[in-house]
């Protein structure tokens, strides 16, 4: 059964092009190692909620936008193997977290087992 990693993070609007470039590079690497799908989306119709929301979850600042991303794998086992290879890949391992075009401290992520696929 498929497995999905999901990510939500704030990206400064003036660094969105740099983020897109980084995401394209990362996506190629994930796909190279076997990910089935790699998707990065920027918020278009996302409003703050009364209790919680995407903007609230990442403590969105006025000059930022929410990015919602996911990666699809054939299985949890495949995801674990692929992520180990990606994390060891020098094309990404050499990136300095301080130079990333987003605040990784406000990013959240997790692995998910699909319960409905259509």
PDB file of N, CA and C in Angstrom:
ATOM      1  N   UNK A   1       0.840  -1.185   0.000  1.00  0.00           N
ATOM      2  CA  UNK A   1       0.000   0.000   0.000  1.00  0.00           C
ATOM      3  C   UNK A   1       0.885   1.249   0.000  1.00  0.00           C
ATOM      4  N   UNK A   2       0.431   2.297  -0.635  1.00  0.00           N
ATOM      5  CA  UNK A   2       1.179   3.550  -0.734  1.00  0.00           C
ATOM      6  C   UNK A   2       1.404   4.175   0.634  1.00  0.00           C
ATOM      7  N   UNK A   3       2.356   5.082   0.672  1.00  0.00           N
ATOM      8  CA  UNK A   3       2.676   5.824   1.888  1.00  0.00           C
ATOM      9  C   UNK A   3       2.966   7.265   1.479  1.00  0.00           C
ATOM     10  N   UNK A   4       2.597   8.224   2.336  1.00  0.00           N
ATOM     11  CA  UNK A   4       2.734   9.637   1.991  1.00  0.00           C
ATOM     12  C   UNK A   4       3.437  10.392   3.114  1.00  0.00           C
ATOM     13  N   UNK A   5       4.435  11.196   2.754  1.00  0.00           N
ATOM     14  CA  UNK A   5       5.017  12.167   3.680  1.00  0.00           C
ATOM     15  C   UNK A   5       4.390  13.509   3.360  1.00  0.00           C
ATOM     16  N   UNK A   6       3.923  14.224   4.377  1.00  0.00           N
ATOM     17  CA  UNK A   6       3.338  15.542   4.191  1.00  0.00           C
ATOM     18  C   UNK A   6       4.138  16.594   4.931  1.00  0.00           C
ATOM     19  N   UNK A   7       4.190  17.798   4.371  1.00  0.00           N
ATOM     20  CA  UNK A   7       4.971  18.904   4.925  1.00  0.00           C
ATOM     21  C   UNK A   7       4.170  20.204   4.819  1.00  0.00           C
ATOM     22  N   UNK A   8       4.263  21.049   5.825  1.00  0.00           N
ATOM     23  CA  UNK A   8       3.679  22.386   5.787  1.00  0.00           C
ATOM     24  C   UNK A   8       4.726  23.334   6.356  1.00  0.00           C
ATOM     25  N   UNK A   9       4.970  24.452   5.648  1.00  0.00           N
ATOM     26  CA  UNK A   9       6.004  25.383   6.088  1.00  0.00           C
ATOM     27  C   UNK A   9       5.720  26.789   5.582  1.00  0.00           C
ATOM     28  N   UNK A  10       6.253  27.794   6.299  1.00  0.00           N
ATOM     29  CA  UNK A  10       6.128  29.174   5.835  1.00  0.00           C
ATOM     30  C   UNK A  10       7.337  29.544   4.967  1.00  0.00           C
ATOM     31  N   UNK A  11       7.075  30.252   3.891  1.00  0.00           N
ATOM     32  CA  UNK A  11       8.153  30.716   3.018  1.00  0.00           C
ATOM     33  C   UNK A  11       7.979  32.220   2.806  1.00  0.00           C
ATOM     34  N   UNK A  12       9.022  33.009   3.028  1.00  0.00           N
ATOM     35  CA  UNK A  12       8.916  34.440   2.737  1.00  0.00           C
ATOM     36  C   UNK A  12       8.561  34.643   1.257  1.00  0.00           C
ATOM     37  N   UNK A  13       7.639  35.533   1.001  1.00  0.00           N
ATOM     38  CA  UNK A  13       7.196  35.766  -0.378  1.00  0.00           C
ATOM     39  C   UNK A  13       8.352  36.139  -1.296  1.00  0.00           C
ATOM     40  N   UNK A  14       9.318  36.905  -0.774  1.00  0.00           N
ATOM     41  CA  UNK A  14      10.440  37.315  -1.619  1.00  0.00           C
ATOM     42  C   UNK A  14      11.471  36.199  -1.819  1.00  0.00           C
ATOM     43  N   UNK A  15      11.266  35.044  -1.173  1.00  0.00           N
ATOM     44  CA  UNK A  15      12.167  33.901  -1.352  1.00  0.00           C
ATOM     45  C   UNK A  15      11.461  32.715  -2.015  1.00  0.00           C
ATOM     46  N   UNK A  16      10.264  32.966  -2.539  1.00  0.00           N
ATOM     47  CA  UNK A  16       9.496  31.885  -3.152  1.00  0.00           C
ATOM     48  C   UNK A  16      10.197  31.309  -4.383  1.00  0.00           C
ATOM     49  N   UNK A  17      10.825  32.147  -5.182  1.00  0.00           N
ATOM     50  CA  UNK A  17      11.556  31.634  -6.347  1.00  0.00           C
ATOM     51  C   UNK A  17      12.737  30.765  -5.921  1.00  0.00           C
ATOM     52  N   UNK A  18      13.451  31.180  -4.889  1.00  0.00           N
ATOM     53  CA  UNK A  18      14.563  30.368  -4.373  1.00  0.00           C
ATOM     54  C   UNK A  18      14.045  29.048  -3.811  1.00  0.00           C
ATOM     55  N   UNK A  19      12.888  29.106  -3.139  1.00  0.00           N
ATOM     56  CA  UNK A  19      12.293  27.874  -2.605  1.00  0.00           C
ATOM     57  C   UNK A  19      11.897  26.942  -3.754  1.00  0.00           C
ATOM     58  N   UNK A  20      11.288  27.497  -4.784  1.00  0.00           N
ATOM     59  CA  UNK A  20      10.884  26.693  -5.946  1.00  0.00           C
ATOM     60  C   UNK A  20      12.097  26.004  -6.572  1.00  0.00           C
ATOM     61  N   UNK A  21      13.197  26.713  -6.686  1.00  0.00           N
ATOM     62  CA  UNK A  21      14.428  26.138  -7.239  1.00  0.00           C
ATOM     63  C   UNK A  21      14.917  24.986  -6.354  1.00  0.00           C
ATOM     64  N   UNK A  22      14.929  25.199  -5.042  1.00  0.00           N
ATOM     65  CA  UNK A  22      15.331  24.156  -4.106  1.00  0.00           C
ATOM     66  C   UNK A  22      14.384  22.955  -4.190  1.00  0.00           C
ATOM     67  N   UNK A  23      13.086  23.218  -4.279  1.00  0.00           N
ATOM     68  CA  UNK A  23      12.097  22.142  -4.351  1.00  0.00           C
ATOM     69  C   UNK A  23      12.251  21.318  -5.631  1.00  0.00           C
ATOM     70  N   UNK A  24      12.533  21.970  -6.736  1.00  0.00           N
ATOM     71  CA  UNK A  24      12.761  21.232  -7.989  1.00  0.00           C
ATOM     72  C   UNK A  24      13.973  20.311  -7.861  1.00  0.00           C
ATOM     73  N   UNK A  25      15.033  20.827  -7.271  1.00  0.00           N
ATOM     74  CA  UNK A  25      16.241  20.030  -7.062  1.00  0.00           C
ATOM     75  C   UNK A  25      15.931  18.842  -6.151  1.00  0.00           C
ATOM     76  N   UNK A  26      15.271  19.111  -5.035  1.00  0.00           N
ATOM     77  CA  UNK A  26      14.928  18.047  -4.088  1.00  0.00           C
ATOM     78  C   UNK A  26      13.996  17.029  -4.732  1.00  0.00           C
ATOM     79  N   UNK A  27      13.000  17.504  -5.454  1.00  0.00           N
ATOM     80  CA  UNK A  27      12.051  16.600  -6.106  1.00  0.00           C
ATOM     81  C   UNK A  27      12.730  15.654  -7.083  1.00  0.00           C
ATOM     82  N   UNK A  28      13.671  16.164  -7.848  1.00  0.00           N
ATOM     83  CA  UNK A  28      14.408  15.304  -8.786  1.00  0.00           C
ATOM     84  C   UNK A  28      15.159  14.216  -8.038  1.00  0.00           C
ATOM     85  N   UNK A  29      15.740  14.568  -6.908  1.00  0.00           N
ATOM     86  CA  UNK A  29      16.494  13.586  -6.131  1.00  0.00           C
ATOM     87  C   UNK A  29      15.555  12.535  -5.545  1.00  0.00           C
ATOM     88  N   UNK A  30      14.442  12.966  -4.953  1.00  0.00           N
ATOM     89  CA  UNK A  30      13.482  11.996  -4.406  1.00  0.00           C
ATOM     90  C   UNK A  30      12.976  11.051  -5.498  1.00  0.00           C
ATOM     91  N   UNK A  31      12.638  11.610  -6.642  1.00  0.00           N
ATOM     92  CA  UNK A  31      12.141  10.778  -7.749  1.00  0.00           C
ATOM     93  C   UNK A  31      13.235   9.831  -8.250  1.00  0.00           C
ATOM     94  N   UNK A  32      14.460  10.311  -8.318  1.00  0.00           N
ATOM     95  CA  UNK A  32      15.585   9.491  -8.751  1.00  0.00           C
ATOM     96  C   UNK A  32      15.723   8.246  -7.865  1.00  0.00           C
ATOM     97  N   UNK A  33      15.466   8.403  -6.570  1.00  0.00           N
ATOM     98  CA  UNK A  33      15.595   7.282  -5.642  1.00  0.00           C
ATOM     99  C   UNK A  33      14.323   6.440  -5.520  1.00  0.00           C
ATOM    100  N   UNK A  34      13.252   6.834  -6.227  1.00  0.00           N
ATOM    101  CA  UNK A  34      12.081   5.962  -6.269  1.00  0.00           C
ATOM    102  C   UNK A  34      10.765   6.515  -5.783  1.00  0.00           C
ATOM    103  N   UNK A  35      10.729   7.769  -5.339  1.00  0.00           N
ATOM    104  CA  UNK A  35       9.438   8.349  -4.960  1.00  0.00           C
ATOM    105  C   UNK A  35       8.519   8.347  -6.179  1.00  0.00           C
ATOM    106  N   UNK A  36       7.262   8.066  -5.962  1.00  0.00           N
ATOM    107  CA  UNK A  36       6.302   7.997  -7.064  1.00  0.00           C
ATOM    108  C   UNK A  36       5.802   9.373  -7.477  1.00  0.00           C
ATOM    109  N   UNK A  37       5.689  10.262  -6.507  1.00  0.00           N
ATOM    110  CA  UNK A  37       5.157  11.597  -6.777  1.00  0.00           C
ATOM    111  C   UNK A  37       5.765  12.581  -5.789  1.00  0.00           C
ATOM    112  N   UNK A  38       6.039  13.789  -6.262  1.00  0.00           N
ATOM    113  CA  UNK A  38       6.592  14.851  -5.422  1.00  0.00           C
ATOM    114  C   UNK A  38       5.844  16.121  -5.789  1.00  0.00           C
ATOM    115  N   UNK A  39       5.140  16.723  -4.819  1.00  0.00           N
ATOM    116  CA  UNK A  39       4.285  17.878  -5.111  1.00  0.00           C
ATOM    117  C   UNK A  39       4.551  18.988  -4.103  1.00  0.00           C
ATOM    118  N   UNK A  40       4.700  20.205  -4.594  1.00  0.00           N
ATOM    119  CA  UNK A  40       4.862  21.403  -3.770  1.00  0.00           C
ATOM    120  C   UNK A  40       3.769  22.385  -4.180  1.00  0.00           C
ATOM    121  N   UNK A  41       2.990  22.868  -3.213  1.00  0.00           N
ATOM    122  CA  UNK A  41       1.877  23.779  -3.495  1.00  0.00           C
ATOM    123  C   UNK A  41       1.994  25.028  -2.625  1.00  0.00           C
ATOM    124  N   UNK A  42       1.661  26.171  -3.198  1.00  0.00           N
ATOM    125  CA  UNK A  42       1.669  27.418  -2.445  1.00  0.00           C
ATOM    126  C   UNK A  42       0.212  27.807  -2.157  1.00  0.00           C
ATOM    127  N   UNK A  43      -0.023  28.316  -0.955  1.00  0.00           N
ATOM    128  CA  UNK A  43      -1.379  28.681  -0.540  1.00  0.00           C
ATOM    129  C   UNK A  43      -1.984  29.703  -1.501  1.00  0.00           C
ATOM    130  N   UNK A  44      -3.238  29.457  -1.857  1.00  0.00           N
ATOM    131  CA  UNK A  44      -3.964  30.344  -2.749  1.00  0.00           C
ATOM    132  C   UNK A  44      -5.278  30.793  -2.108  1.00  0.00           C
ATOM    133  N   UNK A  45      -5.913  29.899  -1.373  1.00  0.00           N
ATOM    134  CA  UNK A  45      -7.192  30.194  -0.727  1.00  0.00           C
ATOM    135  C   UNK A  45      -7.147  29.610   0.682  1.00  0.00           C
ATOM    136  N   UNK A  46      -6.330  30.217   1.531  1.00  0.00           N
ATOM    137  CA  UNK A  46      -6.108  29.727   2.891  1.00  0.00           C
ATOM    138  C   UNK A  46      -6.333  30.893   3.853  1.00  0.00           C
ATOM    139  N   UNK A  47      -7.284  30.729   4.752  1.00  0.00           N
ATOM    140  CA  UNK A  47      -7.618  31.791   5.700  1.00  0.00           C
ATOM    141  C   UNK A  47      -7.290  31.354   7.121  1.00  0.00           C
ATOM    142  N   UNK A  48      -6.955  32.304   7.996  1.00  0.00           N
ATOM    143  CA  UNK A  48      -6.781  31.958   9.406  1.00  0.00           C
ATOM    144  C   UNK A  48      -8.110  31.454   9.975  1.00  0.00           C
ATOM    145  N   UNK A  49      -8.028  30.482  10.853  1.00  0.00           N
ATOM    146  CA  UNK A  49      -9.241  29.938  11.463  1.00  0.00           C
ATOM    147  C   UNK A  49      -9.477  30.535  12.832  1.00  0.00           C
ATOM    148  N   UNK A  50     -10.565  30.090  13.478  1.00  0.00           N
ATOM    149  CA  UNK A  50     -10.849  30.557  14.835  1.00  0.00           C
ATOM    150  C   UNK A  50      -9.988  29.812  15.847  1.00  0.00           C
ATOM    151  N   UNK A  51      -9.776  28.520  15.624  1.00  0.00           N
ATOM    152  CA  UNK A  51      -8.974  27.715  16.546  1.00  0.00           C
ATOM    153  C   UNK A  51      -7.638  27.298  15.946  1.00  0.00           C
ATOM    154  N   UNK A  52      -7.654  26.881  14.683  1.00  0.00           N
ATOM    155  CA  UNK A  52      -6.416  26.454  14.031  1.00  0.00           C
ATOM    156  C   UNK A  52      -6.566  26.585  12.519  1.00  0.00           C
ATOM    157  N   UNK A  53      -5.442  26.618  11.850  1.00  0.00           N
ATOM    158  CA  UNK A  53      -5.432  26.735  10.391  1.00  0.00           C
ATOM    159  C   UNK A  53      -3.993  26.582   9.926  1.00  0.00           C
ATOM    160  N   UNK A  54      -3.799  26.506   8.624  1.00  0.00           N
ATOM    161  CA  UNK A  54      -2.441  26.460   8.095  1.00  0.00           C
ATOM    162  C   UNK A  54      -1.640  27.690   8.531  1.00  0.00           C
ATOM    163  N   UNK A  55      -2.167  28.917   8.373  1.00  0.00           N
ATOM    164  CA  UNK A  55      -1.382  30.083   8.800  1.00  0.00           C
ATOM    165  C   UNK A  55      -1.031  30.052  10.290  1.00  0.00           C
ATOM    166  N   UNK A  56      -1.979  29.650  11.104  1.00  0.00           N
ATOM    167  CA  UNK A  56      -1.712  29.608  12.540  1.00  0.00           C
ATOM    168  C   UNK A  56      -0.706  28.511  12.885  1.00  0.00           C
ATOM    169  N   UNK A  57      -0.790  27.389  12.203  1.00  0.00           N
ATOM    170  CA  UNK A  57       0.086  26.256  12.503  1.00  0.00           C
ATOM    171  C   UNK A  57       1.560  26.594  12.292  1.00  0.00           C
ATOM    172  N   UNK A  58       1.858  27.449  11.313  1.00  0.00           N
ATOM    173  CA  UNK A  58       3.256  27.815  11.033  1.00  0.00           C
ATOM    174  C   UNK A  58       3.607  29.207  11.553  1.00  0.00           C
ATOM    175  N   UNK A  59       2.679  29.812  12.314  1.00  0.00           N
ATOM    176  CA  UNK A  59       2.884  31.169  12.840  1.00  0.00           C
ATOM    177  C   UNK A  59       3.252  32.117  11.702  1.00  0.00           C
ATOM    178  N   UNK A  60       2.414  32.105  10.673  1.00  0.00           N
ATOM    179  CA  UNK A  60       2.663  32.862   9.449  1.00  0.00           C
ATOM    180  C   UNK A  60       2.809  34.360   9.725  1.00  0.00           C
ATOM    181  N   UNK A  61       3.839  34.939   9.134  1.00  0.00           N
ATOM    182  CA  UNK A  61       4.086  36.376   9.219  1.00  0.00           C
ATOM    183  C   UNK A  61       3.475  37.046   7.990  1.00  0.00           C
ATOM    184  N   UNK A  62       3.211  38.360   8.043  1.00  0.00           N
ATOM    185  CA  UNK A  62       2.563  39.047   6.917  1.00  0.00           C
ATOM    186  C   UNK A  62       3.305  38.935   5.587  1.00  0.00           C
ATOM    187  N   UNK A  63       4.616  38.802   5.622  1.00  0.00           N
ATOM    188  CA  UNK A  63       5.392  38.741   4.382  1.00  0.00           C
ATOM    189  C   UNK A  63       5.674  37.307   3.929  1.00  0.00           C
ATOM    190  N   UNK A  64       4.898  36.341   4.450  1.00  0.00           N
ATOM    191  CA  UNK A  64       5.121  34.930   4.122  1.00  0.00           C
ATOM    192  C   UNK A  64       3.884  34.301   3.503  1.00  0.00           C
ATOM    193  N   UNK A  65       4.103  33.129   2.925  1.00  0.00           N
ATOM    194  CA  UNK A  65       3.026  32.331   2.353  1.00  0.00           C
ATOM    195  C   UNK A  65       3.222  30.887   2.818  1.00  0.00           C
ATOM    196  N   UNK A  66       2.117  30.155   2.962  1.00  0.00           N
ATOM    197  CA  UNK A  66       2.181  28.756   3.374  1.00  0.00           C
ATOM    198  C   UNK A  66       2.458  27.870   2.162  1.00  0.00           C
ATOM    199  N   UNK A  67       3.358  26.914   2.335  1.00  0.00           N
ATOM    200  CA  UNK A  67       3.619  25.890   1.324  1.00  0.00           C
ATOM    201  C   UNK A  67       3.197  24.549   1.916  1.00  0.00           C
ATOM    202  N   UNK A  68       2.441  23.798   1.135  1.00  0.00           N
ATOM    203  CA  UNK A  68       1.942  22.471   1.510  1.00  0.00           C
ATOM    204  C   UNK A  68       2.500  21.496   0.488  1.00  0.00           C
ATOM    205  N   UNK A  69       3.178  20.454   0.971  1.00  0.00           N
ATOM    206  CA  UNK A  69       3.881  19.544   0.072  1.00  0.00           C
ATOM    207  C   UNK A  69       3.626  18.104   0.480  1.00  0.00           C
ATOM    208  N   UNK A  70       3.778  17.206  -0.494  1.00  0.00           N
ATOM    209  CA  UNK A  70       3.716  15.792  -0.166  1.00  0.00           C
ATOM    210  C   UNK A  70       4.543  14.983  -1.145  1.00  0.00           C
ATOM    211  N   UNK A  71       4.971  13.818  -0.649  1.00  0.00           N
ATOM    212  CA  UNK A  71       5.730  12.865  -1.451  1.00  0.00           C
ATOM    213  C   UNK A  71       5.039  11.517  -1.304  1.00  0.00           C
ATOM    214  N   UNK A  72       4.812  10.846  -2.419  1.00  0.00           N
ATOM    215  CA  UNK A  72       4.146   9.540  -2.401  1.00  0.00           C
ATOM    216  C   UNK A  72       5.165   8.447  -2.702  1.00  0.00           C
ATOM    217  N   UNK A  73       5.072   7.380  -1.925  1.00  0.00           N
ATOM    218  CA  UNK A  73       5.951   6.220  -2.064  1.00  0.00           C
ATOM    219  C   UNK A  73       5.101   4.969  -2.247  1.00  0.00           C
ATOM    220  N   UNK A  74       5.702   3.897  -2.706  1.00  0.00           N
ATOM    221  CA  UNK A  74       4.991   2.632  -2.878  1.00  0.00           C
ATOM    222  C   UNK A  74       4.592   2.024  -1.538  1.00  0.00           C
ATOM    223  N   UNK A  75       5.396   2.262  -0.488  1.00  0.00           N
ATOM    224  CA  UNK A  75       5.122   1.677   0.825  1.00  0.00           C
ATOM    225  C   UNK A  75       5.936   2.415   1.884  1.00  0.00           C
ATOM    226  N   UNK A  76       5.651   2.142   3.139  1.00  0.00           N
ATOM    227  CA  UNK A  76       6.433   2.723   4.240  1.00  0.00           C
ATOM    228  C   UNK A  76       7.883   2.244   4.155  1.00  0.00           C
ATOM    229  N   UNK A  77       8.070   0.963   3.843  1.00  0.00           N
ATOM    230  CA  UNK A  77       9.428   0.426   3.729  1.00  0.00           C
ATOM    231  C   UNK A  77      10.194   1.146   2.624  1.00  0.00           C
ATOM    232  N   UNK A  78       9.550   1.382   1.487  1.00  0.00           N
ATOM    233  CA  UNK A  78      10.192   2.108   0.389  1.00  0.00           C
ATOM    234  C   UNK A  78      10.521   3.537   0.809  1.00  0.00           C
ATOM    235  N   UNK A  79       9.606   4.168   1.519  1.00  0.00           N
ATOM    236  CA  UNK A  79       9.827   5.536   2.002  1.00  0.00           C
ATOM    237  C   UNK A  79      11.061   5.588   2.890  1.00  0.00           C
ATOM    238  N   UNK A  80      11.171   4.633   3.804  1.00  0.00           N
ATOM    239  CA  UNK A  80      12.315   4.634   4.713  1.00  0.00           C
ATOM    240  C   UNK A  80      13.633   4.451   3.957  1.00  0.00           C
ATOM    241  N   UNK A  81      13.641   3.557   2.970  1.00  0.00           N
ATOM    242  CA  UNK A  81      14.850   3.338   2.162  1.00  0.00           C
ATOM    243  C   UNK A  81      15.187   4.577   1.331  1.00  0.00           C
ATOM    244  N   UNK A  82      14.174   5.146   0.691  1.00  0.00           N
ATOM    245  CA  UNK A  82      14.381   6.322  -0.163  1.00  0.00           C
ATOM    246  C   UNK A  82      14.869   7.504   0.664  1.00  0.00           C
ATOM    247  N   UNK A  83      14.227   7.752   1.809  1.00  0.00           N
ATOM    248  CA  UNK A  83      14.635   8.892   2.632  1.00  0.00           C
ATOM    249  C   UNK A  83      16.056   8.737   3.166  1.00  0.00           C
ATOM    250  N   UNK A  84      16.455   7.521   3.482  1.00  0.00           N
ATOM    251  CA  UNK A  84      17.836   7.297   3.933  1.00  0.00           C
ATOM    252  C   UNK A  84      18.820   7.666   2.831  1.00  0.00           C
ATOM    253  N   UNK A  85      18.499   7.292   1.595  1.00  0.00           N
ATOM    254  CA  UNK A  85      19.366   7.634   0.459  1.00  0.00           C
ATOM    255  C   UNK A  85      19.379   9.137   0.203  1.00  0.00           C
ATOM    256  N   UNK A  86      18.207   9.755   0.268  1.00  0.00           N
ATOM    257  CA  UNK A  86      18.118  11.200   0.036  1.00  0.00           C
ATOM    258  C   UNK A  86      18.924  11.960   1.080  1.00  0.00           C
ATOM    259  N   UNK A  87      18.762  11.590   2.340  1.00  0.00           N
ATOM    260  CA  UNK A  87      19.469  12.300   3.411  1.00  0.00           C
ATOM    261  C   UNK A  87      20.982  12.130   3.320  1.00  0.00           C
ATOM    262  N   UNK A  88      21.442  11.049   2.720  1.00  0.00           N
ATOM    263  CA  UNK A  88      22.881  10.817   2.548  1.00  0.00           C
ATOM    264  C   UNK A  88      23.415  11.397   1.240  1.00  0.00           C
ATOM    265  N   UNK A  89      22.540  11.823   0.366  1.00  0.00           N
ATOM    266  CA  UNK A  89      22.958  12.325  -0.944  1.00  0.00           C
ATOM    267  C   UNK A  89      23.707  13.651  -0.772  1.00  0.00           C
ATOM    268  N   UNK A  90      24.914  13.752  -1.310  1.00  0.00           N
ATOM    269  CA  UNK A  90      25.700  14.983  -1.139  1.00  0.00           C
ATOM    270  C   UNK A  90      25.055  16.212  -1.776  1.00  0.00           C
ATOM    271  N   UNK A  91      24.163  16.016  -2.736  1.00  0.00           N
ATOM    272  CA  UNK A  91      23.497  17.167  -3.356  1.00  0.00           C
ATOM    273  C   UNK A  91      22.584  17.884  -2.367  1.00  0.00           C
ATOM    274  N   UNK A  92      22.054  17.170  -1.385  1.00  0.00           N
ATOM    275  CA  UNK A  92      21.225  17.802  -0.357  1.00  0.00           C
ATOM    276  C   UNK A  92      21.945  17.891   0.978  1.00  0.00           C
ATOM    277  N   UNK A  93      22.760  16.898   1.291  1.00  0.00           N
ATOM    278  CA  UNK A  93      23.450  16.864   2.579  1.00  0.00           C
ATOM    279  C   UNK A  93      24.381  18.061   2.762  1.00  0.00           C
ATOM    280  N   UNK A  94      24.860  18.610   1.663  1.00  0.00           N
ATOM    281  CA  UNK A  94      25.789  19.737   1.756  1.00  0.00           C
ATOM    282  C   UNK A  94      25.084  21.080   1.957  1.00  0.00           C
ATOM    283  N   UNK A  95      23.766  21.091   1.930  1.00  0.00           N
ATOM    284  CA  UNK A  95      23.042  22.354   2.097  1.00  0.00           C
ATOM    285  C   UNK A  95      23.091  22.821   3.545  1.00  0.00           C
ATOM    286  N   UNK A  96      23.396  24.073   3.714  1.00  0.00           N
ATOM    287  CA  UNK A  96      23.465  24.676   5.041  1.00  0.00           C
ATOM    288  C   UNK A  96      22.060  25.095   5.466  1.00  0.00           C
ATOM    289  N   UNK A  97      21.555  24.561   6.585  1.00  0.00           N
ATOM    290  CA  UNK A  97      20.205  24.932   7.036  1.00  0.00           C
ATOM    291  C   UNK A  97      20.019  26.439   7.203  1.00  0.00           C
ATOM    292  N   UNK A  98      21.100  27.151   7.513  1.00  0.00           N
ATOM    293  CA  UNK A  98      21.018  28.602   7.689  1.00  0.00           C
ATOM    294  C   UNK A  98      20.763  29.324   6.370  1.00  0.00           C
ATOM    295  N   UNK A  99      21.068  28.682   5.248  1.00  0.00           N
ATOM    296  CA  UNK A  99      20.882  29.330   3.949  1.00  0.00           C
ATOM    297  C   UNK A  99      19.574  28.920   3.272  1.00  0.00           C
ATOM    298  N   UNK A 100      18.758  28.133   3.946  1.00  0.00           N
ATOM    299  CA  UNK A 100      17.485  27.702   3.360  1.00  0.00           C
ATOM    300  C   UNK A 100      16.557  28.904   3.195  1.00  0.00           C
ATOM    301  N   UNK A 101      15.734  28.905   2.134  1.00  0.00           N
ATOM    302  CA  UNK A 101      14.832  30.042   1.901  1.00  0.00           C
ATOM    303  C   UNK A 101      13.533  29.947   2.706  1.00  0.00           C
ATOM    304  N   UNK A 102      13.583  29.347   3.893  1.00  0.00           N
ATOM    305  CA  UNK A 102      12.412  29.254   4.770  1.00  0.00           C
ATOM    306  C   UNK A 102      12.890  28.992   6.190  1.00  0.00           C
ATOM    307  N   UNK A 103      11.992  29.165   7.150  1.00  0.00           N
ATOM    308  CA  UNK A 103      12.309  28.937   8.555  1.00  0.00           C
ATOM    309  C   UNK A 103      11.925  27.504   8.915  1.00  0.00           C
ATOM    310  N   UNK A 104      12.915  26.618   8.943  1.00  0.00           N
ATOM    311  CA  UNK A 104      12.669  25.209   9.218  1.00  0.00           C
ATOM    312  C   UNK A 104      12.123  24.939  10.611  1.00  0.00           C
ATOM    313  N   UNK A 105      12.299  25.880  11.531  1.00  0.00           N
ATOM    314  CA  UNK A 105      11.795  25.692  12.892  1.00  0.00           C
ATOM    315  C   UNK A 105      10.268  25.738  12.933  1.00  0.00           C
ATOM    316  N   UNK A 106       9.656  26.368  11.923  1.00  0.00           N
ATOM    317  CA  UNK A 106       8.192  26.467  11.892  1.00  0.00           C
ATOM    318  C   UNK A 106       7.566  25.500  10.882  1.00  0.00           C
ATOM    319  N   UNK A 107       8.371  24.622  10.352  1.00  0.00           N
ATOM    320  CA  UNK A 107       7.899  23.591   9.427  1.00  0.00           C
ATOM    321  C   UNK A 107       7.426  22.388  10.235  1.00  0.00           C
ATOM    322  N   UNK A 108       6.350  21.733   9.767  1.00  0.00           N
ATOM    323  CA  UNK A 108       5.973  20.473  10.391  1.00  0.00           C
ATOM    324  C   UNK A 108       5.699  19.442   9.319  1.00  0.00           C
ATOM    325  N   UNK A 109       5.864  18.173   9.679  1.00  0.00           N
ATOM    326  CA  UNK A 109       5.781  17.089   8.710  1.00  0.00           C
ATOM    327  C   UNK A 109       5.402  15.794   9.408  1.00  0.00           C
ATOM    328  N   UNK A 110       5.078  14.814   8.603  1.00  0.00           N
ATOM    329  CA  UNK A 110       4.785  13.492   9.148  1.00  0.00           C
ATOM    330  C   UNK A 110       4.507  12.504   8.040  1.00  0.00           C
ATOM    331  N   UNK A 111       4.503  11.225   8.403  1.00  0.00           N
ATOM    332  CA  UNK A 111       4.210  10.144   7.471  1.00  0.00           C
ATOM    333  C   UNK A 111       2.784   9.660   7.675  1.00  0.00           C
ATOM    334  N   UNK A 112       2.117   9.336   6.567  1.00  0.00           N
ATOM    335  CA  UNK A 112       0.705   8.974   6.605  1.00  0.00           C
ATOM    336  C   UNK A 112       0.407   7.723   5.792  1.00  0.00           C
ATOM    337  N   UNK A 113      -0.474   6.876   6.342  1.00  0.00           N
ATOM    338  CA  UNK A 113      -0.990   5.710   5.615  1.00  0.00           C
ATOM    339  C   UNK A 113      -2.324   6.117   5.006  1.00  0.00           C
ATOM    340  N   UNK A 114      -2.457   6.042   3.691  1.00  0.00           N
ATOM    341  CA  UNK A 114      -3.743   6.380   3.070  1.00  0.00           C
ATOM    342  C   UNK A 114      -4.854   5.440   3.560  1.00  0.00           C
ATOM    343  N   UNK A 115      -6.026   6.022   3.774  1.00  0.00           N
ATOM    344  CA  UNK A 115      -7.186   5.212   4.136  1.00  0.00           C
ATOM    345  C   UNK A 115      -8.266   5.244   3.050  1.00  0.00           C
ATOM    346  N   UNK A 116      -8.175   6.213   2.148  1.00  0.00           N
ATOM    347  CA  UNK A 116      -9.071   6.284   0.983  1.00  0.00           C
ATOM    348  C   UNK A 116      -8.241   6.786  -0.186  1.00  0.00           C
ATOM    349  N   UNK A 117      -8.259   6.069  -1.282  1.00  0.00           N
ATOM    350  CA  UNK A 117      -7.603   6.510  -2.511  1.00  0.00           C
ATOM    351  C   UNK A 117      -8.589   6.290  -3.643  1.00  0.00           C
ATOM    352  N   UNK A 118      -8.804   7.312  -4.453  1.00  0.00           N
ATOM    353  CA  UNK A 118      -9.774   7.195  -5.551  1.00  0.00           C
ATOM    354  C   UNK A 118      -9.158   7.651  -6.854  1.00  0.00           C
TER     355      UNK A 118
END
